[in-house]
C-alpha atoms as a PDB file:
ATOM      1  CA  MET A   1      19.041  -8.256  72.210  1.00  0.00           C
ATOM      2  CA  ASN A   2      21.482  -7.913  69.405  1.00  0.00           C
ATOM      3  CA  GLU A   3      21.907  -4.155  68.883  1.00  0.00           C
ATOM      4  CA  PRO A   4      21.737  -4.167  65.033  1.00  0.00           C
ATOM      5  CA  ILE A   5      18.527  -6.241  65.158  1.00  0.00           C
ATOM      6  CA  SER A   6      17.082  -3.910  67.800  1.00  0.00           C
ATOM      7  CA  ARG A   7      17.767  -0.888  65.624  1.00  0.00           C
ATOM      8  CA  ILE A   8      16.056  -2.585  62.658  1.00  0.00           C
ATOM      9  CA  ARG A   9      12.992  -3.430  64.754  1.00  0.00           C
ATOM     10  CA  ARG A  10      12.721   0.158  66.030  1.00  0.00           C
ATOM     11  CA  ALA A  11      13.047   1.487  62.508  1.00  0.00           C
ATOM     12  CA  MET A  12      10.344  -0.862  61.214  1.00  0.00           C
ATOM     13  CA  LEU A  13       7.935  -0.055  64.032  1.00  0.00           C
ATOM     14  CA  GLY A  14       8.570   3.634  63.580  1.00  0.00           C
ATOM     15  CA  ALA A  15       7.804   3.373  59.897  1.00  0.00           C
ATOM     16  CA  VAL A  16       4.347   1.866  60.415  1.00  0.00           C
ATOM     17  CA  PRO A  17       2.677   4.954  61.903  1.00  0.00           C
ATOM     18  CA  ALA A  18       4.356   7.140  59.312  1.00  0.00           C
ATOM     19  CA  ALA A  19       2.899   5.026  56.513  1.00  0.00           C
ATOM     20  CA  LEU A  20      -0.531   4.929  58.099  1.00  0.00           C
ATOM     21  CA  PHE A  21      -0.734   8.619  58.742  1.00  0.00           C
ATOM     22  CA  GLY A  22       0.999   9.606  55.525  1.00  0.00           C
ATOM     23  CA  ALA A  23      -1.314   7.715  53.124  1.00  0.00           C
ATOM     24  CA  PRO A  24      -4.304  10.058  53.315  1.00  0.00           C
ATOM     25  CA  ALA A  25      -2.137  12.950  52.199  1.00  0.00           C
ATOM     26  CA  PHE A  26      -1.900  11.265  48.798  1.00  0.00           C
ATOM     27  CA  ALA A  27      -5.507   9.968  48.497  1.00  0.00           C
ATOM     28  CA  GLN A  28      -7.956  12.828  48.140  1.00  0.00           C
ATOM     29  CA  ALA A  29     -11.666  12.245  48.578  1.00  0.00           C
ATOM     30  CA  PHE A  30     -13.841  12.796  45.491  1.00  0.00           C
ATOM     31  CA  PRO A  31     -14.596  15.455  44.506  1.00  0.00           C
ATOM     32  CA  SER A  32     -11.744  17.764  45.377  1.00  0.00           C
ATOM     33  CA  LYS A  33     -12.015  20.182  42.442  1.00  0.00           C
ATOM     34  CA  PRO A  34     -14.665  21.555  40.046  1.00  0.00           C
ATOM     35  CA  ILE A  35     -16.470  19.124  37.740  1.00  0.00           C
ATOM     36  CA  THR A  36     -17.003  19.917  34.068  1.00  0.00           C
ATOM     37  CA  LEU A  37     -20.452  19.109  32.681  1.00  0.00           C
ATOM     38  CA  VAL A  38     -20.770  19.473  28.912  1.00  0.00           C
ATOM     39  CA  CYS A  39     -23.954  20.813  27.327  1.00  0.00           C
ATOM     40  CA  PRO A  40     -24.233  19.569  23.724  1.00  0.00           C
ATOM     41  CA  PHE A  41     -26.770  22.222  22.707  1.00  0.00           C
ATOM     42  CA  THR A  42     -26.640  25.957  22.080  1.00  0.00           C
ATOM     43  CA  ALA A  43     -26.560  28.384  24.985  1.00  0.00           C
ATOM     44  CA  GLY A  44     -29.878  29.776  26.136  1.00  0.00           C
ATOM     45  CA  GLY A  45     -32.011  26.921  24.827  1.00  0.00           C
ATOM     46  CA  THR A  46     -34.241  24.659  26.897  1.00  0.00           C
ATOM     47  CA  ALA A  47     -31.542  22.009  27.339  1.00  0.00           C
ATOM     48  CA  ASP A  48     -28.913  24.542  28.379  1.00  0.00           C
ATOM     49  CA  VAL A  49     -31.189  26.221  30.922  1.00  0.00           C
ATOM     50  CA  GLN A  50     -32.247  22.937  32.505  1.00  0.00           C
ATOM     51  CA  LEU A  51     -28.699  21.615  32.676  1.00  0.00           C
ATOM     52  CA  ARG A  52     -27.348  24.762  34.337  1.00  0.00           C
ATOM     53  CA  VAL A  53     -30.017  24.680  37.039  1.00  0.00           C
ATOM     54  CA  LEU A  54     -29.350  20.989  37.669  1.00  0.00           C
ATOM     55  CA  ALA A  55     -25.592  21.600  37.729  1.00  0.00           C
ATOM     56  CA  ALA A  56     -25.980  24.326  40.349  1.00  0.00           C
ATOM     57  CA  ALA A  57     -28.020  21.999  42.549  1.00  0.00           C
ATOM     58  CA  ALA A  58     -25.613  19.081  42.083  1.00  0.00           C
ATOM     59  CA  GLY A  59     -22.692  21.351  42.952  1.00  0.00           C
ATOM     60  CA  LYS A  60     -24.286  22.031  46.330  1.00  0.00           C
ATOM     61  CA  GLU A  61     -24.668  18.300  46.964  1.00  0.00           C
ATOM     62  CA  LEU A  62     -21.091  17.519  45.902  1.00  0.00           C
ATOM     63  CA  GLY A  63     -19.478  20.501  47.613  1.00  0.00           C
ATOM     64  CA  VAL A  64     -17.656  21.689  44.473  1.00  0.00           C
ATOM     65  CA  PRO A  65     -18.784  23.741  41.464  1.00  0.00           C
ATOM     66  CA  VAL A  66     -20.256  21.811  38.539  1.00  0.00           C
ATOM     67  CA  VAL A  67     -19.268  24.000  35.596  1.00  0.00           C
ATOM     68  CA  VAL A  68     -21.319  23.794  32.383  1.00  0.00           C
ATOM     69  CA  GLU A  69     -19.406  24.087  29.108  1.00  0.00           C
ATOM     70  CA  THR A  70     -21.159  24.379  25.742  1.00  0.00           C
ATOM     71  CA  ARG A  71     -20.017  22.052  22.947  1.00  0.00           C
ATOM     72  CA  ALA A  72     -22.906  22.089  20.515  1.00  0.00           C
ATOM     73  CA  GLY A  73     -23.131  20.309  17.190  1.00  0.00           C
ATOM     74  CA  ALA A  74     -23.670  17.008  15.398  1.00  0.00           C
ATOM     75  CA  ALA A  75     -27.326  16.785  16.478  1.00  0.00           C
ATOM     76  CA  GLY A  76     -26.323  16.979  20.131  1.00  0.00           C
ATOM     77  CA  THR A  77     -23.610  14.300  19.990  1.00  0.00           C
ATOM     78  CA  LEU A  78     -20.492  16.460  19.734  1.00  0.00           C
ATOM     79  CA  GLY A  79     -20.587  17.074  23.487  1.00  0.00           C
ATOM     80  CA  PRO A  80     -20.743  13.461  24.683  1.00  0.00           C
ATOM     81  CA  ALA A  81     -18.306  12.390  21.962  1.00  0.00           C
ATOM     82  CA  SER A  82     -15.802  14.928  23.278  1.00  0.00           C
ATOM     83  CA  ILE A  83     -15.557  13.234  26.687  1.00  0.00           C
ATOM     84  CA  VAL A  84     -14.912   9.678  25.462  1.00  0.00           C
ATOM     85  CA  SER A  85     -11.147  10.094  25.767  1.00  0.00           C
ATOM     86  CA  ALA A  86     -11.343  11.886  29.146  1.00  0.00           C
ATOM     87  CA  ALA A  87     -10.025  10.233  32.290  1.00  0.00           C
ATOM     88  CA  PRO A  88     -12.754   8.184  34.025  1.00  0.00           C
ATOM     89  CA  ASP A  89     -12.210  10.117  37.246  1.00  0.00           C
ATOM     90  CA  GLY A  90     -15.648  11.753  37.486  1.00  0.00           C
ATOM     91  CA  TYR A  91     -14.429  15.254  36.671  1.00  0.00           C
ATOM     92  CA  THR A  92     -15.638  15.284  33.054  1.00  0.00           C
ATOM     93  CA  LEU A  93     -19.297  14.532  32.345  1.00  0.00           C
ATOM     94  CA  SER A  94     -21.826  15.324  29.641  1.00  0.00           C
ATOM     95  CA  MET A  95     -25.500  15.664  29.035  1.00  0.00           C
ATOM     96  CA  ALA A  96     -26.690  13.065  26.520  1.00  0.00           C
ATOM     97  CA  THR A  97     -29.995  12.807  24.693  1.00  0.00           C
ATOM     98  CA  GLY A  98     -31.172   9.256  24.168  1.00  0.00           C
ATOM     99  CA  ILE A  99     -32.195   9.548  20.557  1.00  0.00           C
ATOM    100  CA  ALA A 100     -29.264  11.447  19.065  1.00  0.00           C
ATOM    101  CA  LEU A 101     -26.527   9.608  20.951  1.00  0.00           C
ATOM    102  CA  LEU A 102     -27.856   6.221  19.817  1.00  0.00           C
ATOM    103  CA  ARG A 103     -28.896   7.188  16.311  1.00  0.00           C
ATOM    104  CA  GLN A 104     -25.880   9.130  15.067  1.00  0.00           C
ATOM    105  CA  PRO A 105     -23.503   6.140  14.669  1.00  0.00           C
ATOM    106  CA  PHE A 106     -25.891   4.711  12.064  1.00  0.00           C
ATOM    107  CA  ILE A 107     -25.867   7.964  10.107  1.00  0.00           C
ATOM    108  CA  VAL A 108     -22.205   9.036  10.079  1.00  0.00           C
ATOM    109  CA  PRO A 109     -18.959   7.625  11.479  1.00  0.00           C
ATOM    110  CA  THR A 110     -18.651   8.598  15.144  1.00  0.00           C
ATOM    111  CA  ARG A 111     -15.869   8.580  17.722  1.00  0.00           C
ATOM    112  CA  TYR A 112     -17.917   6.483  20.089  1.00  0.00           C
ATOM    113  CA  ASP A 113     -19.931   3.300  20.506  1.00  0.00           C
ATOM    114  CA  PRO A 114     -22.927   4.071  22.765  1.00  0.00           C
ATOM    115  CA  ALA A 115     -22.858   0.551  24.214  1.00  0.00           C
ATOM    116  CA  LYS A 116     -19.170   0.629  25.171  1.00  0.00           C
ATOM    117  CA  ASP A 117     -17.807   4.142  25.540  1.00  0.00           C
ATOM    118  CA  PHE A 118     -19.957   5.706  28.267  1.00  0.00           C
ATOM    119  CA  THR A 119     -20.765   5.269  31.928  1.00  0.00           C
ATOM    120  CA  TYR A 120     -24.477   5.931  32.297  1.00  0.00           C
ATOM    121  CA  ILE A 121     -24.992   7.816  35.549  1.00  0.00           C
ATOM    122  CA  LEU A 122     -28.608   8.992  35.713  1.00  0.00           C
ATOM    123  CA  GLY A 123     -31.581   9.363  33.389  1.00  0.00           C
ATOM    124  CA  VAL A 124     -32.852  12.845  34.263  1.00  0.00           C
ATOM    125  CA  THR A 125     -36.019  13.756  32.330  1.00  0.00           C
ATOM    126  CA  ARG A 126     -37.672  13.689  28.918  1.00  0.00           C
ATOM    127  CA  PHE A 127     -38.140  16.625  26.575  1.00  0.00           C
ATOM    128  CA  GLU A 128     -41.791  16.679  25.525  1.00  0.00           C
ATOM    129  CA  LEU A 129     -42.482  17.278  21.837  1.00  0.00           C
ATOM    130  CA  GLY A 130     -45.265  18.940  19.906  1.00  0.00           C
ATOM    131  CA  LEU A 131     -46.354  20.377  16.571  1.00  0.00           C
ATOM    132  CA  ALA A 132     -46.933  24.126  16.741  1.00  0.00           C
ATOM    133  CA  VAL A 133     -48.019  26.814  14.284  1.00  0.00           C
ATOM    134  CA  ARG A 134     -48.428  30.558  14.548  1.00  0.00           C
ATOM    135  CA  ALA A 135     -51.572  31.723  16.294  1.00  0.00           C
ATOM    136  CA  ASP A 136     -52.749  33.464  13.126  1.00  0.00           C
ATOM    137  CA  ALA A 137     -52.390  30.288  11.037  1.00  0.00           C
ATOM    138  CA  PRO A 138     -55.639  29.017   9.479  1.00  0.00           C
ATOM    139  CA  TRP A 139     -55.407  25.550  11.101  1.00  0.00           C
ATOM    140  CA  ARG A 140     -57.201  25.060  14.399  1.00  0.00           C
ATOM    141  CA  ASN A 141     -56.336  21.387  14.744  1.00  0.00           C
ATOM    142  CA  LEU A 142     -54.271  18.595  13.228  1.00  0.00           C
ATOM    143  CA  ALA A 143     -57.075  17.448  10.901  1.00  0.00           C
ATOM    144  CA  GLU A 144     -57.211  20.867   9.226  1.00  0.00           C
ATOM    145  CA  PHE A 145     -53.438  20.998   8.868  1.00  0.00           C
ATOM    146  CA  VAL A 146     -53.345  17.537   7.304  1.00  0.00           C
ATOM    147  CA  ALA A 147     -56.213  18.304   4.914  1.00  0.00           C
ATOM    148  CA  ASP A 148     -54.490  21.473   3.713  1.00  0.00           C
ATOM    149  CA  ALA A 149     -51.136  19.716   3.380  1.00  0.00           C
ATOM    150  CA  LYS A 150     -52.725  17.051   1.190  1.00  0.00           C
ATOM    151  CA  LYS A 151     -53.983  19.787  -1.129  1.00  0.00           C
ATOM    152  CA  ASN A 152     -50.501  21.344  -1.253  1.00  0.00           C
ATOM    153  CA  PRO A 153     -47.982  18.460  -1.262  1.00  0.00           C
ATOM    154  CA  GLY A 154     -44.448  19.573  -0.435  1.00  0.00           C
ATOM    155  CA  LYS A 155     -45.402  23.242  -0.045  1.00  0.00           C
ATOM    156  CA  PHE A 156     -45.562  23.261   3.748  1.00  0.00           C
ATOM    157  CA  ALA A 157     -42.221  23.661   5.505  1.00  0.00           C
ATOM    158  CA  TYR A 158     -41.575  22.746   9.120  1.00  0.00           C
ATOM    159  CA  GLY A 159     -38.566  23.529  11.265  1.00  0.00           C
ATOM    160  CA  THR A 160     -36.658  21.477  13.823  1.00  0.00           C
ATOM    161  CA  ALA A 161     -33.420  21.884  15.754  1.00  0.00           C
ATOM    162  CA  GLY A 162     -31.614  19.487  13.418  1.00  0.00           C
ATOM    163  CA  ALA A 163     -31.827  16.625  10.975  1.00  0.00           C
ATOM    164  CA  ALA A 164     -32.202  13.118  12.445  1.00  0.00           C
ATOM    165  CA  THR A 165     -33.262  14.480  15.832  1.00  0.00           C
ATOM    166  CA  GLY A 166     -36.276  13.136  17.703  1.00  0.00           C
ATOM    167  CA  GLN A 167     -38.187  16.239  16.640  1.00  0.00           C
ATOM    168  CA  HIS A 168     -37.431  15.434  13.018  1.00  0.00           C
ATOM    169  CA  THR A 169     -38.416  11.772  13.109  1.00  0.00           C
ATOM    170  CA  ALA A 170     -41.581  12.507  15.095  1.00  0.00           C
ATOM    171  CA  MET A 171     -42.714  14.714  12.212  1.00  0.00           C
ATOM    172  CA  LEU A 172     -41.591  12.159   9.622  1.00  0.00           C
ATOM    173  CA  ARG A 173     -43.711   9.559  11.384  1.00  0.00           C
ATOM    174  CA  LEU A 174     -46.669  11.934  11.539  1.00  0.00           C
ATOM    175  CA  CYS A 175     -46.396  12.747   7.834  1.00  0.00           C
ATOM    176  CA  ASP A 176     -46.130   9.045   7.087  1.00  0.00           C
ATOM    177  CA  ALA A 177     -49.211   8.224   9.168  1.00  0.00           C
ATOM    178  CA  ALA A 178     -51.214  11.121   7.681  1.00  0.00           C
ATOM    179  CA  GLY A 179     -50.095  10.525   4.099  1.00  0.00           C
ATOM    180  CA  ILE A 180     -48.704  14.033   3.600  1.00  0.00           C
ATOM    181  CA  ALA A 181     -45.408  15.431   2.318  1.00  0.00           C
ATOM    182  CA  CYS A 182     -43.811  18.415   4.052  1.00  0.00           C
ATOM    183  CA  THR A 183     -40.404  20.034   3.596  1.00  0.00           C
ATOM    184  CA  HIS A 184     -37.979  19.808   6.511  1.00  0.00           C
ATOM    185  CA  ILE A 185     -35.877  22.859   7.409  1.00  0.00           C
ATOM    186  CA  PRO A 186     -33.218  22.025  10.028  1.00  0.00           C
ATOM    187  CA  TYR A 187     -31.798  24.790  12.231  1.00  0.00           C
ATOM    188  CA  LYS A 188     -28.802  24.969  14.568  1.00  0.00           C
ATOM    189  CA  GLY A 189     -30.858  25.253  17.731  1.00  0.00           C
ATOM    190  CA  SER A 190     -34.352  25.567  19.121  1.00  0.00           C
ATOM    191  CA  GLY A 191     -34.074  29.348  19.463  1.00  0.00           C
ATOM    192  CA  ASP A 192     -33.588  29.646  15.711  1.00  0.00           C
ATOM    193  CA  VAL A 193     -36.557  27.342  15.144  1.00  0.00           C
ATOM    194  CA  PHE A 194     -38.906  29.479  17.235  1.00  0.00           C
ATOM    195  CA  ASN A 195     -37.701  32.645  15.486  1.00  0.00           C
ATOM    196  CA  ALA A 196     -38.281  31.002  12.113  1.00  0.00           C
ATOM    197  CA  LEU A 197     -41.913  30.248  12.959  1.00  0.00           C
ATOM    198  CA  ALA A 198     -42.499  33.641  14.536  1.00  0.00           C
ATOM    199  CA  GLY A 199     -41.098  35.276  11.396  1.00  0.00           C
ATOM    200  CA  GLY A 200     -43.224  33.191   9.055  1.00  0.00           C
ATOM    201  CA  HIS A 201     -40.273  31.422   7.445  1.00  0.00           C
ATOM    202  CA  VAL A 202     -41.867  28.013   8.094  1.00  0.00           C
ATOM    203  CA  GLN A 203     -45.510  27.026   8.454  1.00  0.00           C
ATOM    204  CA  ALA A 204     -44.974  24.774  11.477  1.00  0.00           C
ATOM    205  CA  ILE A 205     -42.370  23.484  13.911  1.00  0.00           C
ATOM    206  CA  SER A 206     -41.903  20.040  15.404  1.00  0.00           C
ATOM    207  CA  GLU A 207     -40.002  20.851  18.560  1.00  0.00           C
ATOM    208  CA  THR A 208     -39.401  20.330  22.235  1.00  0.00           C
ATOM    209  CA  SER A 209     -41.615  22.233  24.648  1.00  0.00           C
ATOM    210  CA  GLY A 210     -39.304  25.217  24.656  1.00  0.00           C
ATOM    211  CA  TRP A 211     -42.190  26.709  22.688  1.00  0.00           C
ATOM    212  CA  ALA A 212     -43.945  27.099  26.076  1.00  0.00           C
ATOM    213  CA  PRO A 213     -43.664  30.909  26.406  1.00  0.00           C
ATOM    214  CA  PHE A 214     -44.886  31.392  22.836  1.00  0.00           C
ATOM    215  CA  VAL A 215     -47.891  29.146  23.411  1.00  0.00           C
ATOM    216  CA  ASP A 216     -48.628  30.755  26.784  1.00  0.00           C
ATOM    217  CA  SER A 217     -48.444  34.262  25.317  1.00  0.00           C
ATOM    218  CA  GLY A 218     -50.789  33.346  22.469  1.00  0.00           C
ATOM    219  CA  LYS A 219     -48.195  33.691  19.686  1.00  0.00           C
ATOM    220  CA  PHE A 220     -48.111  29.966  18.850  1.00  0.00           C
ATOM    221  CA  ARG A 221     -50.868  27.362  18.739  1.00  0.00           C
ATOM    222  CA  LEU A 222     -50.304  23.716  19.587  1.00  0.00           C
ATOM    223  CA  LEU A 223     -51.909  21.415  17.041  1.00  0.00           C
ATOM    224  CA  ALA A 224     -50.709  18.260  18.791  1.00  0.00           C
ATOM    225  CA  VAL A 225     -48.337  16.938  21.420  1.00  0.00           C
ATOM    226  CA  TYR A 226     -46.523  13.648  20.910  1.00  0.00           C
ATOM    227  CA  SER A 227     -46.903  12.383  24.468  1.00  0.00           C
ATOM    228  CA  GLU A 228     -48.913   9.299  25.451  1.00  0.00           C
ATOM    229  CA  SER A 229     -51.472  11.481  27.216  1.00  0.00           C
ATOM    230  CA  ARG A 230     -52.172  15.203  27.367  1.00  0.00           C
ATOM    231  CA  LEU A 231     -49.585  17.256  29.175  1.00  0.00           C
ATOM    232  CA  LYS A 232     -50.676  18.639  32.539  1.00  0.00           C
ATOM    233  CA  ARG A 233     -49.191  21.983  31.588  1.00  0.00           C
ATOM    234  CA  TRP A 234     -51.424  22.274  28.463  1.00  0.00           C
ATOM    235  CA  PRO A 235     -54.504  20.126  29.077  1.00  0.00           C
ATOM    236  CA  SER A 236     -56.362  21.635  26.107  1.00  0.00           C
ATOM    237  CA  ALA A 237     -53.720  20.487  23.612  1.00  0.00           C
ATOM    238  CA  PRO A 238     -54.696  17.056  22.220  1.00  0.00           C
ATOM    239  CA  THR A 239     -52.191  14.320  21.512  1.00  0.00           C
ATOM    240  CA  ALA A 240     -51.487  13.183  17.975  1.00  0.00           C
ATOM    241  CA  LYS A 241     -52.692   9.742  19.035  1.00  0.00           C
ATOM    242  CA  GLU A 242     -56.131  10.890  20.130  1.00  0.00           C
ATOM    243  CA  GLN A 243     -56.480  12.719  16.802  1.00  0.00           C
ATOM    244  CA  GLY A 244     -56.054   9.453  14.935  1.00  0.00           C
ATOM    245  CA  TYR A 245     -52.292   9.281  14.370  1.00  0.00           C
ATOM    246  CA  ASP A 246     -50.378   6.681  16.362  1.00  0.00           C
ATOM    247  CA  VAL A 247     -47.285   8.816  16.895  1.00  0.00           C
ATOM    248  CA  THR A 248     -45.880   9.078  20.407  1.00  0.00           C
ATOM    249  CA  ASP A 249     -42.390  10.280  21.189  1.00  0.00           C
ATOM    250  CA  SER A 250     -40.235  12.218  23.618  1.00  0.00           C
ATOM    251  CA  VAL A 251     -36.508  12.881  23.939  1.00  0.00           C
ATOM    252  CA  PRO A 252     -34.960  11.469  27.132  1.00  0.00           C
ATOM    253  CA  TRP A 253     -31.787  12.992  28.481  1.00  0.00           C
ATOM    254  CA  GLY A 254     -29.368  12.071  31.208  1.00  0.00           C
ATOM    255  CA  ILE A 255     -25.850  12.403  32.558  1.00  0.00           C
ATOM    256  CA  VAL A 256     -22.994  10.274  31.237  1.00  0.00           C
ATOM    257  CA  GLY A 257     -19.276   9.962  31.892  1.00  0.00           C
ATOM    258  CA  PRO A 258     -16.438   8.200  30.072  1.00  0.00           C
ATOM    259  CA  ALA A 259     -16.357   4.406  30.164  1.00  0.00           C
ATOM    260  CA  GLY A 260     -14.382   2.841  32.999  1.00  0.00           C
ATOM    261  CA  MET A 261     -15.679   4.873  35.928  1.00  0.00           C
ATOM    262  CA  SER A 262     -15.701   2.856  39.139  1.00  0.00           C
ATOM    263  CA  ALA A 263     -18.955   1.743  40.735  1.00  0.00           C
ATOM    264  CA  ALA A 264     -18.230   3.860  43.822  1.00  0.00           C
ATOM    265  CA  LEU A 265     -17.556   6.971  41.759  1.00  0.00           C
ATOM    266  CA  THR A 266     -20.650   6.421  39.656  1.00  0.00           C
ATOM    267  CA  LYS A 267     -22.763   6.030  42.785  1.00  0.00           C
ATOM    268  CA  THR A 268     -21.425   9.251  44.302  1.00  0.00           C
ATOM    269  CA  LEU A 269     -22.367  11.176  41.181  1.00  0.00           C
ATOM    270  CA  HIS A 270     -25.672   9.377  40.767  1.00  0.00           C
ATOM    271  CA  ASP A 271     -26.693  10.150  44.337  1.00  0.00           C
ATOM    272  CA  ALA A 272     -25.820  13.824  44.015  1.00  0.00           C
ATOM    273  CA  PHE A 273     -27.714  14.299  40.743  1.00  0.00           C
ATOM    274  CA  HIS A 274     -30.593  12.170  42.005  1.00  0.00           C
ATOM    275  CA  LYS A 275     -31.024  14.438  45.044  1.00  0.00           C
ATOM    276  CA  SER A 276     -30.826  17.449  42.744  1.00  0.00           C
ATOM    277  CA  LEU A 277     -33.894  16.312  40.816  1.00  0.00           C
ATOM    278  CA  SER A 278     -36.008  17.459  43.756  1.00  0.00           C
ATOM    279  CA  ASP A 279     -34.283  20.853  43.979  1.00  0.00           C
ATOM    280  CA  ALA A 280     -37.017  23.506  43.932  1.00  0.00           C
ATOM    281  CA  ALA A 281     -35.410  25.543  41.165  1.00  0.00           C
ATOM    282  CA  PHE A 282     -34.956  22.489  38.961  1.00  0.00           C
ATOM    283  CA  VAL A 283     -38.508  21.258  39.526  1.00  0.00           C
ATOM    284  CA  LYS A 284     -39.778  24.716  38.580  1.00  0.00           C
ATOM    285  CA  THR A 285     -37.607  24.760  35.451  1.00  0.00           C
ATOM    286  CA  LEU A 286     -39.096  21.454  34.297  1.00  0.00           C
ATOM    287  CA  ALA A 287     -42.638  22.544  35.130  1.00  0.00           C
ATOM    288  CA  LEU A 288     -42.317  25.627  32.938  1.00  0.00           C
ATOM    289  CA  VAL A 289     -42.055  23.361  29.878  1.00  0.00           C
ATOM    290  CA  GLY A 290     -44.336  20.574  31.039  1.00  0.00           C
ATOM    291  CA  GLN A 291     -41.622  18.058  31.921  1.00  0.00           C
ATOM    292  CA  GLU A 292     -41.323  15.705  34.859  1.00  0.00           C
ATOM    293  CA  PRO A 293     -38.281  13.882  36.287  1.00  0.00           C
ATOM    294  CA  TRP A 294     -37.493  10.534  34.670  1.00  0.00           C
ATOM    295  CA  ASP A 295     -35.127   9.519  37.485  1.00  0.00           C
ATOM    296  CA  ALA A 296     -33.717   6.303  35.989  1.00  0.00           C
ATOM    297  CA  ASP A 297     -30.856   4.983  38.125  1.00  0.00           C
ATOM    298  CA  SER A 298     -27.523   4.025  36.572  1.00  0.00           C
ATOM    299  CA  THR A 299     -28.532   0.445  35.777  1.00  0.00           C
ATOM    300  CA  ALA A 300     -31.983   1.336  34.443  1.00  0.00           C
ATOM    301  CA  TYR A 301     -30.534   4.193  32.376  1.00  0.00           C
ATOM    302  CA  ARG A 302     -27.897   1.986  30.781  1.00  0.00           C
ATOM    303  CA  ASN A 303     -30.374  -0.808  30.105  1.00  0.00           C
ATOM    304  CA  TYR A 304     -32.776   1.608  28.446  1.00  0.00           C
ATOM    305  CA  MET A 305     -30.098   3.129  26.241  1.00  0.00           C
ATOM    306  CA  VAL A 306     -28.669  -0.198  25.107  1.00  0.00           C
ATOM    307  CA  SER A 307     -32.148  -1.579  24.403  1.00  0.00           C
ATOM    308  CA  ARG A 308     -32.907   1.391  22.134  1.00  0.00           C
ATOM    309  CA  ILE A 309     -29.889   0.922  19.861  1.00  0.00           C
ATOM    310  CA  PRO A 310     -31.606  -1.507  17.423  1.00  0.00           C
ATOM    311  CA  VAL A 311     -34.767   0.648  17.459  1.00  0.00           C
ATOM    312  CA  GLU A 312     -32.794   3.711  16.365  1.00  0.00           C
ATOM    313  CA  ARG A 313     -30.912   1.673  13.759  1.00  0.00           C
ATOM    314  CA  ASP A 314     -34.216   0.612  12.201  1.00  0.00           C
ATOM    315  CA  LEU A 315     -35.581   4.179  12.202  1.00  0.00           C
ATOM    316  CA  VAL A 316     -32.472   5.412  10.407  1.00  0.00           C
ATOM    317  CA  ALA A 317     -32.977   2.759   7.741  1.00  0.00           C
ATOM    318  CA  LYS A 318     -36.739   3.257   7.420  1.00  0.00           C
ATOM    319  CA  TYR A 319     -36.575   7.007   6.950  1.00  0.00           C
ATOM    320  CA  ARG A 320     -33.254   6.989   5.061  1.00  0.00           C
ATOM    321  CA  LEU A 321     -31.765   9.475   7.506  1.00  0.00           C
ATOM    322  CA  LYS A 322     -28.327   9.022   5.986  1.00  0.00           C
ATOM    323  CA  GLU A 323     -29.655  10.713   2.874  1.00  0.00           C
ATOM    324  CA  ARG A 324     -31.431  13.626   4.525  1.00  0.00           C
END
């Protein structure tokens, strides 16, 4: 054999194993470092607590820490908006609430389009909503509250964790159905809302079930919940619907990433968070506030969110949320 050709062949054959064995050194399996999970609500609130417990469980499944960072503001949309420009590598995720994320673009200019700028990973659960008053308030039920509000139009104030939130529009719908006018007082977070009611600064609150410890301790009274049926956690609290007002609502939340994440990457994250829904600590955290897992897979979650965009657009127009 010609010696130069022989040397070339040996060099080529020798290079093959080097390439094969060298490739994995450059391709690291996901995940190989901590994952950032953004919480778009204030620290210590119901959303923050639930997300941190879920993150801890997901970190065990993924084998790396899932670190929660707080980026609150803009009715819970500042957090998801902040990850739109992140690399779609699975290391930057956010909690997203279905109502705020879809509604905000119709209220103010946003950095994102909910139909195009996110990878929907998993629909986790739904925040249950209810109308609560102080235990020493004169109203024992929704009918008494409505009757008194009709006698005092505009004099009753109610608090929520922000304008144009699901809590806000649930109360707007209730007032509309009951024919009453109440004054809305928006706060920065649910903790401030509960303190406002406890301190007598508002007559009522329309809020997520973070009011649980106040109701359980006898400090607050539930006049109505906005669920389709009574919550297992508070079977004595009637729904608004059964009291004659066709108002049902909840606030779904899930995990999203930037647009462009691969199907394989999305599945890895989906599977880890999906398994975490059955984590004992997470299940207990939901049970404390009467919630249950939603568990919508990536396709179902995306389909739900996209289908709700025109619904939220119409609610913004109907209740003139741009002006509130």
